[in-house]
Amino acid sequence: MTSMKESLTARLQYLLKLSKTIEKRLKKAPDGTLRISSDAERTQYYLRKTSSDRFGTYLTKKNMPLIEALAQKNYDEKVLKSVQQEIKAIEAYLKKCPSDFPEEIYMGLRDKRKEIVVPFKETDEMFLKRWNSVSYIGKDIKADEAFVTDRGEIVRSKSEIIIANTLAKEGIPYRYEYPVYLKGLGTVYPDFTILNLRLRKEFYWEHQGRMDDKGYAEKAVRKVTSYILSGIYPGDKLIITSETKSHPLNMKVVREIISHYFL
C-alpha cells in the first residue's frame, strides 16, 4: 500500500518536473499578450505589447502561428502559477506532517499487538483475507469439460486456463464462477470475479468462447444486456473477451487486459 507521504512526494516530483518544462517553454514564448474579440459573426485577434496597450495591434490570419503561441503562453503562465502554489503547499505540509499518518500507524505495530488492536480502517491485508474467506458453490463441471489450472482449480476451457494462470501468476485475487444476480436472467456465474485490491473494486470477466456458434452467441449477447441492465457496464466493471475457432484467444490480449485493470 502506498503511504500518504509517498503519494505526496511523488506528486511533488511530478510538479517540479512540470514546472521546469513550462518555465523552459515560456523562455521561448513571444513578447506581449493576446486579446480576443469575438461576436456571432467573427473572431478578431490583437497583440498587446504592454499592459497599458488596451486594444493592441490587429493580427490577420497570416499571423496565426503568433496567435497560437500567445494563447499557449497565456495558458502556460496560468498552469505555472497553479503548479508553483501547489508545490509550496505540499512542501509546507510535508515539513509539518506527522511521521506516521493515522492510516499507517497500525502497520507499524508489532504482530502481537496487531492481534489485539482493531484499526479504525481495515488494512489491505484484512480486506483481502475477508474477500478470500467467502465460501460459495459454483456450477457443476462435467468431466469432459474439465481443465485444471496451475493452482489446481477446475475450469471449463483452455482459454479459461490461460486467464486463470495469468491472474494467479500476477498475484491477482479472483473467484471462478462466483454467483451473481442479474436482472432478467436471475443467478448467473461469471467466468471470473476479480478483485483490484488497490481500488477495492470487483470486476467480472466473461470469456465468450464459442462466438461462431449462433445459439451460444445469442445467449452471450443476452447475458451482456442483463449485465448492463443491472448496472454492470463493459469497460467499467465488466470485462469481455471473445473467440471463435478461427480466431482463438490471444495471450497478448489477456496480458494487456490484466495490466490495464489490475496492475
Protein backbone atom coordinates (compact mmCIF):
# COMPACT_ATOMS: atom_id res chain seq x y z
CA MET A 1 0.00 0.00 0.00
CA THR A 2 1.40 3.39 -0.97
CA SER A 3 1.61 5.72 2.03
CA MET A 4 0.22 9.23 2.04
CA LYS A 5 3.73 10.66 2.30
CA GLU A 6 4.90 8.60 -0.69
CA SER A 7 1.94 9.79 -2.74
CA LEU A 8 2.57 13.43 -1.85
CA THR A 9 6.29 13.09 -2.57
CA ALA A 10 5.53 11.55 -5.97
CA ARG A 11 3.09 14.37 -6.70
CA LEU A 12 5.72 16.92 -5.68
CA GLN A 13 8.33 15.40 -8.01
CA TYR A 14 5.82 15.47 -10.88
CA LEU A 15 5.02 19.15 -10.22
CA LEU A 16 8.68 20.13 -10.01
CA LYS A 17 9.37 18.46 -13.33
CA LEU A 18 6.30 20.10 -14.88
CA SER A 19 7.38 23.48 -13.56
CA LYS A 20 10.78 23.19 -15.24
CA THR A 21 9.18 22.15 -18.53
CA ILE A 22 6.80 25.12 -18.54
CA GLU A 23 9.48 27.61 -17.50
CA LYS A 24 11.71 26.39 -20.34
CA ARG A 25 8.85 26.79 -22.82
CA LEU A 26 7.94 30.26 -21.58
CA LYS A 27 11.50 31.48 -22.20
CA LYS A 28 10.87 30.88 -25.91
CA ALA A 29 7.41 32.47 -25.92
CA PRO A 30 6.85 35.73 -27.86
CA ASP A 31 6.59 39.08 -26.09
CA GLY A 32 3.18 40.56 -25.38
CA THR A 33 -0.26 39.16 -24.70
CA LEU A 34 -3.23 38.17 -26.84
CA ARG A 35 -6.59 39.96 -26.80
CA ILE A 36 -9.51 38.17 -28.42
CA SER A 37 -12.64 39.94 -29.57
CA SER A 38 -15.48 37.83 -30.90
CA ASP A 39 -19.15 38.04 -31.77
CA ALA A 40 -21.61 35.77 -33.58
CA GLU A 41 -20.04 36.50 -36.96
CA ARG A 42 -16.28 36.63 -36.45
CA THR A 43 -13.32 36.45 -34.10
CA GLN A 44 -10.53 39.01 -34.11
CA TYR A 45 -7.10 38.80 -32.51
CA TYR A 46 -4.92 41.63 -31.21
CA LEU A 47 -1.35 41.79 -29.92
CA ARG A 48 -0.95 43.82 -26.74
CA LYS A 49 2.74 44.68 -26.44
CA THR A 50 2.42 46.21 -22.97
CA SER A 51 -0.15 46.10 -20.16
CA SER A 52 -1.02 49.75 -20.89
CA ASP A 53 -1.77 48.88 -24.51
CA ARG A 54 -5.53 48.49 -24.03
CA PHE A 55 -6.62 47.49 -27.53
CA GLY A 56 -3.49 46.17 -29.22
CA THR A 57 -2.45 45.69 -32.81
CA TYR A 58 -4.77 43.73 -35.11
CA LEU A 59 -3.44 40.33 -36.22
CA THR A 60 -4.52 38.78 -39.51
CA LYS A 61 -4.88 35.08 -40.28
CA LYS A 62 -1.34 35.18 -41.67
CA ASN A 63 -0.25 35.74 -38.06
CA MET A 64 -1.90 32.52 -36.83
CA PRO A 65 1.40 30.97 -35.58
CA LEU A 66 1.91 34.07 -33.40
CA ILE A 67 -1.71 33.98 -32.25
CA GLU A 68 -1.38 30.33 -31.22
CA ALA A 69 1.95 30.98 -29.47
CA LEU A 70 0.46 33.87 -27.47
CA ALA A 71 -2.56 31.77 -26.48
CA GLN A 72 -0.28 28.94 -25.40
CA LYS A 73 1.84 31.42 -23.42
CA ASN A 74 -1.21 32.64 -21.51
CA TYR A 75 -2.24 29.06 -20.73
CA ASP A 76 1.28 28.09 -19.66
CA GLU A 77 1.51 31.07 -17.32
CA LYS A 78 -1.74 30.11 -15.60
CA VAL A 79 -0.64 26.48 -15.25
CA LEU A 80 2.76 27.52 -13.90
CA LYS A 81 1.15 29.75 -11.27
CA SER A 82 -1.08 26.89 -10.12
CA VAL A 83 1.84 24.44 -10.10
CA GLN A 84 4.02 26.76 -8.03
CA GLN A 85 1.23 27.29 -5.50
CA GLU A 86 0.72 23.55 -5.11
CA ILE A 87 4.47 22.94 -4.77
CA LYS A 88 4.64 25.42 -1.90
CA ALA A 89 1.60 23.86 -0.22
CA ILE A 90 2.97 20.30 -0.44
CA GLU A 91 6.43 21.31 0.75
CA ALA A 92 4.94 23.15 3.72
CA TYR A 93 2.69 20.22 4.55
CA LEU A 94 5.50 17.66 4.33
CA LYS A 95 7.55 19.70 6.79
CA LYS A 96 4.77 19.71 9.39
CA CYS A 97 3.01 16.40 8.75
CA PRO A 98 3.32 13.57 11.31
CA SER A 99 5.95 10.89 10.82
CA ASP A 100 3.12 8.35 10.53
CA PHE A 101 -0.30 9.13 9.16
CA PRO A 102 -3.31 7.73 11.08
CA GLU A 103 -3.92 5.04 8.44
CA GLU A 104 -0.31 3.84 8.71
CA ILE A 105 0.08 3.51 12.48
CA TYR A 106 -1.47 0.05 12.66
CA MET A 107 1.01 -1.34 10.11
CA GLY A 108 3.87 -0.18 12.31
CA LEU A 109 2.69 -2.17 15.33
CA ARG A 110 4.31 -5.45 16.35
CA ASP A 111 2.43 -8.57 15.28
CA LYS A 112 1.31 -9.50 18.81
CA ARG A 113 -0.10 -6.02 19.34
CA LYS A 114 -1.88 -6.13 15.99
CA GLU A 115 -3.68 -9.26 17.18
CA ILE A 116 -5.43 -7.36 19.98
CA VAL A 117 -5.96 -4.00 18.28
CA VAL A 118 -8.83 -3.11 15.93
CA PRO A 119 -7.67 -0.49 13.40
CA PHE A 120 -10.13 2.27 12.61
CA LYS A 121 -9.65 1.46 8.93
CA GLU A 122 -9.42 -2.06 7.51
CA THR A 123 -5.99 -2.74 6.05
CA ASP A 124 -5.50 -4.21 2.57
CA GLU A 125 -4.34 -7.43 4.20
CA MET A 126 -7.54 -7.64 6.26
CA PHE A 127 -9.73 -6.74 3.30
CA LEU A 128 -8.10 -9.42 1.13
CA LYS A 129 -8.37 -12.05 3.87
CA ARG A 130 -12.08 -11.30 4.26
CA TRP A 131 -12.61 -11.33 0.49
CA ASN A 132 -10.84 -14.68 0.13
CA SER A 133 -12.73 -16.21 3.06
CA VAL A 134 -16.10 -16.03 1.30
CA SER A 135 -17.40 -19.52 0.55
CA TYR A 136 -19.69 -20.27 -2.37
CA ILE A 137 -20.96 -23.05 -4.61
CA GLY A 138 -20.24 -22.72 -8.31
CA LYS A 139 -21.75 -24.62 -11.21
CA ASP A 140 -21.05 -28.31 -11.73
CA ILE A 141 -18.45 -29.08 -14.39
CA LYS A 142 -18.73 -32.27 -16.41
CA ALA A 143 -15.66 -34.48 -16.66
CA ASP A 144 -15.34 -33.92 -20.41
CA GLU A 145 -15.33 -30.14 -19.83
CA ALA A 146 -12.73 -30.15 -17.07
CA PHE A 147 -9.38 -28.41 -17.36
CA VAL A 148 -7.01 -27.90 -14.43
CA THR A 149 -5.25 -24.61 -13.67
CA ASP A 150 -1.79 -24.23 -12.15
CA ARG A 151 -3.30 -23.85 -8.71
CA GLY A 152 -5.46 -26.95 -9.08
CA GLU A 153 -8.82 -25.39 -9.94
CA ILE A 154 -11.20 -26.99 -12.39
CA VAL A 155 -12.28 -24.70 -15.24
CA ARG A 156 -14.19 -25.29 -18.46
CA SER A 157 -11.77 -24.42 -21.26
CA LYS A 158 -8.14 -23.96 -22.27
CA SER A 159 -8.80 -20.23 -22.67
CA GLU A 160 -10.00 -20.01 -19.08
CA ILE A 161 -6.82 -21.78 -18.02
CA ILE A 162 -4.83 -19.01 -19.74
CA ILE A 163 -6.80 -16.30 -17.92
CA ALA A 164 -6.69 -18.06 -14.53
CA ASN A 165 -2.98 -18.87 -14.72
CA THR A 166 -2.07 -15.33 -15.77
CA LEU A 167 -4.09 -13.83 -12.92
CA ALA A 168 -2.51 -16.24 -10.43
CA LYS A 169 0.99 -15.54 -11.74
CA GLU A 170 0.47 -11.81 -11.15
CA GLY A 171 -0.92 -12.46 -7.66
CA ILE A 172 -4.33 -11.02 -8.51
CA PRO A 173 -7.19 -12.37 -6.34
CA TYR A 174 -10.06 -13.97 -8.22
CA ARG A 175 -13.00 -16.34 -7.84
CA TYR A 176 -14.07 -18.76 -10.54
CA GLU A 177 -17.80 -18.87 -11.35
CA TYR A 178 -18.88 -16.94 -8.27
CA PRO A 179 -22.69 -16.46 -8.43
CA VAL A 180 -24.17 -13.01 -9.11
CA TYR A 181 -27.78 -11.95 -9.69
CA LEU A 182 -28.63 -10.18 -12.96
CA LYS A 183 -31.91 -8.56 -13.93
CA GLY A 184 -33.79 -10.65 -16.47
CA LEU A 185 -31.62 -13.72 -16.01
CA GLY A 186 -31.52 -14.37 -12.28
CA THR A 187 -28.40 -16.01 -10.85
CA VAL A 188 -25.52 -16.36 -13.31
CA TYR A 189 -21.93 -17.48 -12.86
CA PRO A 190 -19.36 -15.08 -14.36
CA ASP A 191 -16.25 -16.87 -15.53
CA PHE A 192 -14.13 -14.78 -13.17
CA THR A 193 -14.84 -12.31 -10.38
CA ILE A 194 -11.59 -10.41 -9.88
CA LEU A 195 -10.50 -8.03 -7.15
CA ASN A 196 -8.44 -4.91 -7.73
CA LEU A 197 -7.16 -4.60 -4.18
CA ARG A 198 -5.74 -1.12 -4.67
CA LEU A 199 -9.18 0.18 -5.69
CA ARG A 200 -11.06 -2.40 -3.57
CA LYS A 201 -13.25 -2.93 -6.59
CA GLU A 202 -14.60 -6.14 -8.12
CA PHE A 203 -14.61 -6.82 -11.85
CA TYR A 204 -16.44 -9.55 -13.76
CA TRP A 205 -14.65 -11.20 -16.67
CA GLU A 206 -16.77 -13.09 -19.18
CA HIS A 207 -14.95 -15.03 -21.84
CA GLN A 208 -17.22 -15.78 -24.80
CA GLY A 209 -15.54 -18.87 -26.14
CA ARG A 210 -17.79 -20.08 -28.97
CA MET A 211 -18.96 -16.96 -30.79
CA ASP A 212 -19.16 -18.83 -34.11
CA ASP A 213 -21.99 -20.91 -32.57
CA LYS A 214 -25.20 -18.96 -33.28
CA GLY A 215 -27.10 -20.24 -30.25
CA TYR A 216 -24.16 -19.58 -27.93
CA ALA A 217 -23.64 -16.09 -29.39
CA GLU A 218 -27.29 -15.16 -28.83
CA LYS A 219 -27.08 -16.24 -25.18
CA ALA A 220 -23.85 -14.28 -24.77
CA VAL A 221 -25.47 -11.11 -26.13
CA ARG A 222 -28.46 -11.57 -23.84
CA LYS A 223 -26.15 -12.01 -20.86
CA VAL A 224 -24.22 -8.82 -21.61
CA THR A 225 -27.54 -6.96 -21.89
CA SER A 226 -28.53 -8.25 -18.45
CA TYR A 227 -25.22 -7.06 -17.01
CA ILE A 228 -25.87 -3.57 -18.36
CA LEU A 229 -29.45 -3.51 -17.04
CA SER A 230 -28.03 -4.49 -13.66
CA GLY A 231 -25.66 -1.50 -13.66
CA ILE A 232 -22.55 -3.50 -14.59
CA TYR A 233 -21.07 -1.91 -17.69
CA PRO A 234 -18.48 -3.20 -20.18
CA GLY A 235 -15.23 -1.33 -19.74
CA ASP A 236 -16.11 -0.39 -16.17
CA LYS A 237 -16.83 -3.45 -14.03
CA LEU A 238 -17.34 -5.89 -16.88
CA ILE A 239 -14.50 -7.29 -18.99
CA ILE A 240 -15.40 -9.24 -22.13
CA THR A 241 -13.16 -11.35 -24.35
CA SER A 242 -14.36 -13.44 -27.28
CA GLU A 243 -13.07 -16.08 -29.63
CA THR A 244 -14.07 -18.36 -32.49
CA LYS A 245 -12.43 -21.48 -33.89
CA SER A 246 -10.53 -19.43 -36.45
CA HIS A 247 -9.73 -16.59 -34.03
CA PRO A 248 -8.71 -18.11 -30.65
CA LEU A 249 -8.00 -16.10 -27.52
CA ASN A 250 -4.82 -14.07 -27.87
CA MET A 251 -2.42 -14.41 -24.93
CA LYS A 252 -1.15 -10.88 -25.51
CA VAL A 253 -4.71 -9.55 -25.20
CA VAL A 254 -5.10 -11.33 -21.86
CA ARG A 255 -1.89 -9.77 -20.55
CA GLU A 256 -2.88 -6.32 -21.81
CA ILE A 257 -6.28 -6.52 -20.10
CA ILE A 258 -4.79 -7.67 -16.81
CA SER A 259 -2.15 -4.96 -16.95
CA HIS A 260 -4.76 -2.28 -17.69
CA TYR A 261 -7.26 -3.22 -14.99
CA PHE A 262 -5.22 -4.76 -12.19
CA LEU A 263 -1.53 -3.79 -12.29
